[in-house]
Amino acid sequence: ALVVEQASVKHTILTSALAANIAFPHHCQ
């Protein structure tokens, strides 16, 4: 499912997912 149409290449996948309000599993980052 397309969740971020224009993710920045300057951010990690996790950062982009969290910014799109995706409940992405993470802890330490």
PDB file of all heavy atoms in Angstrom:
ATOM      1  N   ALA A   1       0.858  -1.187   0.000  1.00  0.00           N
ATOM      2  CA  ALA A   1       0.000   0.000   0.000  1.00  0.00           C
ATOM      3  C   ALA A   1       0.896   1.240   0.000  1.00  0.00           C
ATOM      4  O   ALA A   1       1.765   1.381   0.862  1.00  0.00           O
ATOM      5  CB  ALA A   1      -0.910   0.018   1.223  1.00  0.00           C
ATOM      6  N   LEU A   2       0.690   2.126  -0.967  1.00  0.00           N
ATOM      7  CA  LEU A   2       1.466   3.365  -1.032  1.00  0.00           C
ATOM      8  C   LEU A   2       1.116   4.217   0.180  1.00  0.00           C
ATOM      9  O   LEU A   2      -0.037   4.582   0.380  1.00  0.00           O
ATOM     10  CB  LEU A   2       1.151   4.125  -2.317  1.00  0.00           C
ATOM     11  CG  LEU A   2       1.882   5.450  -2.511  1.00  0.00           C
ATOM     12  CD1 LEU A   2       3.370   5.228  -2.693  1.00  0.00           C
ATOM     13  CD2 LEU A   2       1.312   6.193  -3.709  1.00  0.00           C
ATOM     14  N   VAL A   3       2.101   4.495   1.017  1.00  0.00           N
ATOM     15  CA  VAL A   3       1.816   5.273   2.222  1.00  0.00           C
ATOM     16  C   VAL A   3       2.425   6.668   2.185  1.00  0.00           C
ATOM     17  O   VAL A   3       1.900   7.581   2.795  1.00  0.00           O
ATOM     18  CB  VAL A   3       2.267   4.536   3.511  1.00  0.00           C
ATOM     19  CG1 VAL A   3       1.451   3.281   3.721  1.00  0.00           C
ATOM     20  CG2 VAL A   3       3.730   4.219   3.486  1.00  0.00           C
ATOM     21  N   VAL A   4       3.527   6.814   1.478  1.00  0.00           N
ATOM     22  CA  VAL A   4       4.147   8.132   1.347  1.00  0.00           C
ATOM     23  C   VAL A   4       4.480   8.323  -0.128  1.00  0.00           C
ATOM     24  O   VAL A   4       5.317   7.618  -0.671  1.00  0.00           O
ATOM     25  CB  VAL A   4       5.427   8.269   2.205  1.00  0.00           C
ATOM     26  CG1 VAL A   4       6.013   9.671   2.063  1.00  0.00           C
ATOM     27  CG2 VAL A   4       5.145   7.956   3.662  1.00  0.00           C
ATOM     28  N   GLU A   5       3.777   9.251  -0.752  1.00  0.00           N
ATOM     29  CA  GLU A   5       3.988   9.468  -2.182  1.00  0.00           C
ATOM     30  C   GLU A   5       5.315  10.166  -2.453  1.00  0.00           C
ATOM     31  O   GLU A   5       5.977   9.885  -3.443  1.00  0.00           O
ATOM     32  CB  GLU A   5       2.833  10.276  -2.768  1.00  0.00           C
ATOM     33  CG  GLU A   5       2.824  10.267  -4.268  1.00  0.00           C
ATOM     34  CD  GLU A   5       1.536  10.837  -4.835  1.00  0.00           C
ATOM     35  OE1 GLU A   5       0.513  10.852  -4.129  1.00  0.00           O
ATOM     36  OE2 GLU A   5       1.570  11.283  -5.984  1.00  0.00           O
ATOM     37  N   GLN A   6       5.719  11.056  -1.563  1.00  0.00           N
ATOM     38  CA  GLN A   6       6.958  11.796  -1.777  1.00  0.00           C
ATOM     39  C   GLN A   6       7.800  11.791  -0.503  1.00  0.00           C
ATOM     40  O   GLN A   6       7.894  12.800   0.196  1.00  0.00           O
ATOM     41  CB  GLN A   6       6.655  13.211  -2.238  1.00  0.00           C
ATOM     42  CG  GLN A   6       5.965  13.243  -3.580  1.00  0.00           C
ATOM     43  CD  GLN A   6       6.125  14.581  -4.265  1.00  0.00           C
ATOM     44  OE1 GLN A   6       6.654  15.529  -3.716  1.00  0.00           O
ATOM     45  NE2 GLN A   6       5.684  14.648  -5.485  1.00  0.00           N
ATOM     46  N   ALA A   7       8.416  10.662  -0.219  1.00  0.00           N
ATOM     47  CA  ALA A   7       9.314  10.557   0.928  1.00  0.00           C
ATOM     48  C   ALA A   7      10.654  11.191   0.566  1.00  0.00           C
ATOM     49  O   ALA A   7      11.136  11.039  -0.550  1.00  0.00           O
ATOM     50  CB  ALA A   7       9.509   9.091   1.311  1.00  0.00           C
ATOM     51  N   SER A   8      11.242  11.874   1.497  1.00  0.00           N
ATOM     52  CA  SER A   8      12.530  12.520   1.251  1.00  0.00           C
ATOM     53  C   SER A   8      13.654  11.488   1.329  1.00  0.00           C
ATOM     54  O   SER A   8      13.652  10.616   2.196  1.00  0.00           O
ATOM     55  CB  SER A   8      12.788  13.606   2.299  1.00  0.00           C
ATOM     56  OG  SER A   8      14.109  14.094   2.175  1.00  0.00           O
ATOM     57  N   VAL A   9      14.609  11.611   0.425  1.00  0.00           N
ATOM     58  CA  VAL A   9      15.778  10.732   0.468  1.00  0.00           C
ATOM     59  C   VAL A   9      16.722  11.149   1.598  1.00  0.00           C
ATOM     60  O   VAL A   9      17.717  10.484   1.847  1.00  0.00           O
ATOM     61  CB  VAL A   9      16.534  10.705  -0.886  1.00  0.00           C
ATOM     62  CG1 VAL A   9      15.661  10.097  -1.981  1.00  0.00           C
ATOM     63  CG2 VAL A   9      17.004  12.102  -1.281  1.00  0.00           C
ATOM     64  N   LYS A  10      16.393  12.234   2.286  1.00  0.00           N
ATOM     65  CA  LYS A  10      17.204  12.695   3.413  1.00  0.00           C
ATOM     66  C   LYS A  10      16.724  12.122   4.743  1.00  0.00           C
ATOM     67  O   LYS A  10      17.295  12.414   5.784  1.00  0.00           O
ATOM     68  CB  LYS A  10      17.201  14.222   3.486  1.00  0.00           C
ATOM     69  CG  LYS A  10      17.914  14.878   2.327  1.00  0.00           C
ATOM     70  CD  LYS A  10      17.971  16.368   2.522  1.00  0.00           C
ATOM     71  CE  LYS A  10      18.794  17.021   1.431  1.00  0.00           C
ATOM     72  NZ  LYS A  10      18.962  18.453   1.669  1.00  0.00           N
ATOM     73  N   HIS A  11      15.628  11.331   4.721  1.00  0.00           N
ATOM     74  CA  HIS A  11      15.078  10.744   5.935  1.00  0.00           C
ATOM     75  C   HIS A  11      15.090   9.227   5.839  1.00  0.00           C
ATOM     76  O   HIS A  11      14.990   8.667   4.751  1.00  0.00           O
ATOM     77  CB  HIS A  11      13.640  11.230   6.165  1.00  0.00           C
ATOM     78  CG  HIS A  11      13.553  12.693   6.416  1.00  0.00           C
ATOM     79  ND1 HIS A  11      12.834  13.533   5.607  1.00  0.00           N
ATOM     80  CD2 HIS A  11      14.108  13.462   7.373  1.00  0.00           C
ATOM     81  CE1 HIS A  11      12.951  14.777   6.059  1.00  0.00           C
ATOM     82  NE2 HIS A  11      13.717  14.760   7.126  1.00  0.00           N
ATOM     83  N   THR A  12      15.152   8.573   6.969  1.00  0.00           N
ATOM     84  CA  THR A  12      15.098   7.114   6.971  1.00  0.00           C
ATOM     85  C   THR A  12      13.680   6.647   6.667  1.00  0.00           C
ATOM     86  O   THR A  12      12.724   7.423   6.766  1.00  0.00           O
ATOM     87  CB  THR A  12      15.522   6.539   8.341  1.00  0.00           C
ATOM     88  OG1 THR A  12      14.576   6.945   9.326  1.00  0.00           O
ATOM     89  CG2 THR A  12      16.934   6.969   8.714  1.00  0.00           C
ATOM     90  N   ILE A  13      13.570   5.382   6.330  1.00  0.00           N
ATOM     91  CA  ILE A  13      12.254   4.790   6.089  1.00  0.00           C
ATOM     92  C   ILE A  13      11.403   4.919   7.346  1.00  0.00           C
ATOM     93  O   ILE A  13      10.223   5.275   7.274  1.00  0.00           O
ATOM     94  CB  ILE A  13      12.401   3.319   5.663  1.00  0.00           C
ATOM     95  CG1 ILE A  13      13.036   3.242   4.268  1.00  0.00           C
ATOM     96  CG2 ILE A  13      11.059   2.590   5.703  1.00  0.00           C
ATOM     97  CD1 ILE A  13      13.423   1.850   3.829  1.00  0.00           C
ATOM     98  N   LEU A  14      11.989   4.665   8.499  1.00  0.00           N
ATOM     99  CA  LEU A  14      11.242   4.769   9.753  1.00  0.00           C
ATOM    100  C   LEU A  14      10.724   6.187   9.978  1.00  0.00           C
ATOM    101  O   LEU A  14       9.553   6.384  10.291  1.00  0.00           O
ATOM    102  CB  LEU A  14      12.100   4.328  10.939  1.00  0.00           C
ATOM    103  CG  LEU A  14      11.434   4.454  12.310  1.00  0.00           C
ATOM    104  CD1 LEU A  14      10.193   3.582  12.400  1.00  0.00           C
ATOM    105  CD2 LEU A  14      12.418   4.127  13.413  1.00  0.00           C
ATOM    106  N   THR A  15      11.570   7.184   9.808  1.00  0.00           N
ATOM    107  CA  THR A  15      11.174   8.578  10.004  1.00  0.00           C
ATOM    108  C   THR A  15      10.028   8.958   9.068  1.00  0.00           C
ATOM    109  O   THR A  15       9.057   9.584   9.492  1.00  0.00           O
ATOM    110  CB  THR A  15      12.377   9.517   9.786  1.00  0.00           C
ATOM    111  OG1 THR A  15      13.409   9.158  10.684  1.00  0.00           O
ATOM    112  CG2 THR A  15      11.999  10.960  10.000  1.00  0.00           C
ATOM    113  N   SER A  16      10.122   8.553   7.816  1.00  0.00           N
ATOM    114  CA  SER A  16       9.064   8.860   6.845  1.00  0.00           C
ATOM    115  C   SER A  16       7.758   8.165   7.208  1.00  0.00           C
ATOM    116  O   SER A  16       6.684   8.762   7.107  1.00  0.00           O
ATOM    117  CB  SER A  16       9.495   8.440   5.438  1.00  0.00           C
ATOM    118  OG  SER A  16      10.583   9.237   5.011  1.00  0.00           O
ATOM    119  N   ALA A  17       7.840   6.915   7.647  1.00  0.00           N
ATOM    120  CA  ALA A  17       6.631   6.174   8.030  1.00  0.00           C
ATOM    121  C   ALA A  17       5.973   6.808   9.254  1.00  0.00           C
ATOM    122  O   ALA A  17       4.752   6.995   9.281  1.00  0.00           O
ATOM    123  CB  ALA A  17       6.968   4.713   8.297  1.00  0.00           C
ATOM    124  N   LEU A  18       6.763   7.147  10.255  1.00  0.00           N
ATOM    125  CA  LEU A  18       6.210   7.763  11.457  1.00  0.00           C
ATOM    126  C   LEU A  18       5.598   9.133  11.152  1.00  0.00           C
ATOM    127  O   LEU A  18       4.557   9.490  11.699  1.00  0.00           O
ATOM    128  CB  LEU A  18       7.276   7.879  12.547  1.00  0.00           C
ATOM    129  CG  LEU A  18       7.800   6.548  13.112  1.00  0.00           C
ATOM    130  CD1 LEU A  18       8.926   6.803  14.101  1.00  0.00           C
ATOM    131  CD2 LEU A  18       6.682   5.739  13.732  1.00  0.00           C
ATOM    132  N   ALA A  19       6.232   9.894  10.257  1.00  0.00           N
ATOM    133  CA  ALA A  19       5.700  11.202   9.866  1.00  0.00           C
ATOM    134  C   ALA A  19       4.359  11.071   9.143  1.00  0.00           C
ATOM    135  O   ALA A  19       3.535  11.983   9.183  1.00  0.00           O
ATOM    136  CB  ALA A  19       6.699  11.943   8.986  1.00  0.00           C
ATOM    137  N   ALA A  20       4.142   9.901   8.507  1.00  0.00           N
ATOM    138  CA  ALA A  20       2.871   9.641   7.811  1.00  0.00           C
ATOM    139  C   ALA A  20       1.864   8.961   8.742  1.00  0.00           C
ATOM    140  O   ALA A  20       0.852   8.438   8.281  1.00  0.00           O
ATOM    141  CB  ALA A  20       3.127   8.774   6.582  1.00  0.00           C
ATOM    142  N   ASN A  21       2.154   8.978  10.046  1.00  0.00           N
ATOM    143  CA  ASN A  21       1.279   8.388  11.066  1.00  0.00           C
ATOM    144  C   ASN A  21       1.082   6.886  10.908  1.00  0.00           C
ATOM    145  O   ASN A  21       0.026   6.355  11.236  1.00  0.00           O
ATOM    146  CB  ASN A  21      -0.076   9.103  11.111  1.00  0.00           C
ATOM    147  CG  ASN A  21       0.069  10.527  11.581  1.00  0.00           C
ATOM    148  OD1 ASN A  21       0.811  10.810  12.517  1.00  0.00           O
ATOM    149  ND2 ASN A  21      -0.622  11.437  10.920  1.00  0.00           N
ATOM    150  N   ILE A  22       2.104   6.197  10.409  1.00  0.00           N
ATOM    151  CA  ILE A  22       2.085   4.741  10.324  1.00  0.00           C
ATOM    152  C   ILE A  22       2.625   4.204  11.647  1.00  0.00           C
ATOM    153  O   ILE A  22       3.684   4.630  12.109  1.00  0.00           O
ATOM    154  CB  ILE A  22       2.978   4.235   9.160  1.00  0.00           C
ATOM    155  CG1 ILE A  22       2.535   4.843   7.834  1.00  0.00           C
ATOM    156  CG2 ILE A  22       2.998   2.711   9.116  1.00  0.00           C
ATOM    157  CD1 ILE A  22       1.128   4.506   7.411  1.00  0.00           C
ATOM    158  N   ALA A  23       1.897   3.294  12.252  1.00  0.00           N
ATOM    159  CA  ALA A  23       2.336   2.681  13.519  1.00  0.00           C
ATOM    160  C   ALA A  23       3.392   1.631  13.198  1.00  0.00           C
ATOM    161  O   ALA A  23       3.136   0.439  13.164  1.00  0.00           O
ATOM    162  CB  ALA A  23       1.153   2.057  14.240  1.00  0.00           C
ATOM    163  N   PHE A  24       4.598   2.110  12.931  1.00  0.00           N
ATOM    164  CA  PHE A  24       5.712   1.261  12.509  1.00  0.00           C
ATOM    165  C   PHE A  24       6.443   0.763  13.754  1.00  0.00           C
ATOM    166  O   PHE A  24       6.765   1.553  14.642  1.00  0.00           O
ATOM    167  CB  PHE A  24       6.683   2.073  11.638  1.00  0.00           C
ATOM    168  CG  PHE A  24       7.528   1.246  10.721  1.00  0.00           C
ATOM    169  CD1 PHE A  24       7.218   1.156   9.378  1.00  0.00           C
ATOM    170  CD2 PHE A  24       8.632   0.558  11.199  1.00  0.00           C
ATOM    171  CE1 PHE A  24       8.003   0.401   8.521  1.00  0.00           C
ATOM    172  CE2 PHE A  24       9.416  -0.199  10.348  1.00  0.00           C
ATOM    173  CZ  PHE A  24       9.102  -0.279   9.002  1.00  0.00           C
ATOM    174  N   PRO A  25       6.713  -0.543  13.855  1.00  0.00           N
ATOM    175  CA  PRO A  25       7.416  -1.040  15.036  1.00  0.00           C
ATOM    176  C   PRO A  25       8.822  -0.441  15.134  1.00  0.00           C
ATOM    177  O   PRO A  25       9.549  -0.403  14.147  1.00  0.00           O
ATOM    178  CB  PRO A  25       7.471  -2.553  14.819  1.00  0.00           C
ATOM    179  CG  PRO A  25       7.184  -2.784  13.387  1.00  0.00           C
ATOM    180  CD  PRO A  25       6.416  -1.592  12.889  1.00  0.00           C
ATOM    181  N   HIS A  26       9.158   0.059  16.308  1.00  0.00           N
ATOM    182  CA  HIS A  26      10.487   0.625  16.536  1.00  0.00           C
ATOM    183  C   HIS A  26      10.720   0.756  18.031  1.00  0.00           C
ATOM    184  O   HIS A  26       9.793   0.666  18.828  1.00  0.00           O
ATOM    185  CB  HIS A  26      10.635   1.982  15.848  1.00  0.00           C
ATOM    186  CG  HIS A  26       9.796   3.060  16.452  1.00  0.00           C
ATOM    187  ND1 HIS A  26       8.428   3.145  16.250  1.00  0.00           N
ATOM    188  CD2 HIS A  26      10.107   4.090  17.275  1.00  0.00           C
ATOM    189  CE1 HIS A  26       7.952   4.189  16.906  1.00  0.00           C
ATOM    190  NE2 HIS A  26       8.950   4.786  17.549  1.00  0.00           N
ATOM    191  N   HIS A  27      11.950   0.974  18.391  1.00  0.00           N
ATOM    192  CA  HIS A  27      12.272   1.200  19.800  1.00  0.00           C
ATOM    193  C   HIS A  27      13.450   2.171  19.914  1.00  0.00           C
ATOM    194  O   HIS A  27      13.257   3.322  20.246  1.00  0.00           O
ATOM    195  CB  HIS A  27      12.560  -0.115  20.515  1.00  0.00           C
ATOM    196  CG  HIS A  27      12.767   0.050  21.991  1.00  0.00           C
ATOM    197  ND1 HIS A  27      11.772   0.479  22.842  1.00  0.00           N
ATOM    198  CD2 HIS A  27      13.868  -0.138  22.754  1.00  0.00           C
ATOM    199  CE1 HIS A  27      12.251   0.545  24.070  1.00  0.00           C
ATOM    200  NE2 HIS A  27      13.508   0.182  24.041  1.00  0.00           N
ATOM    201  N   CYS A  28      14.661   1.704  19.605  1.00  0.00           N
ATOM    202  CA  CYS A  28      15.858   2.516  19.876  1.00  0.00           C
ATOM    203  C   CYS A  28      16.116   3.606  18.840  1.00  0.00           C
ATOM    204  O   CYS A  28      16.680   4.634  19.153  1.00  0.00           O
ATOM    205  CB  CYS A  28      17.082   1.617  19.981  1.00  0.00           C
ATOM    206  SG  CYS A  28      17.646   0.941  18.397  1.00  0.00           S
ATOM    207  N   GLN A  29      15.754   3.389  17.594  1.00  0.00           N
ATOM    208  CA  GLN A  29      15.974   4.294  16.460  1.00  0.00           C
ATOM    209  C   GLN A  29      17.441   4.521  16.112  1.00  0.00           C
ATOM    210  O   GLN A  29      17.775   5.464  15.394  1.00  0.00           O
ATOM    211  CB  GLN A  29      15.252   5.624  16.675  1.00  0.00           C
ATOM    212  CG  GLN A  29      13.751   5.464  16.778  1.00  0.00           C
ATOM    213  CD  GLN A  29      13.020   6.782  16.778  1.00  0.00           C
ATOM    214  OE1 GLN A  29      13.470   7.761  16.209  1.00  0.00           O
ATOM    215  NE2 GLN A  29      11.866   6.809  17.421  1.00  0.00           N
TER     216      GLN A  29
END
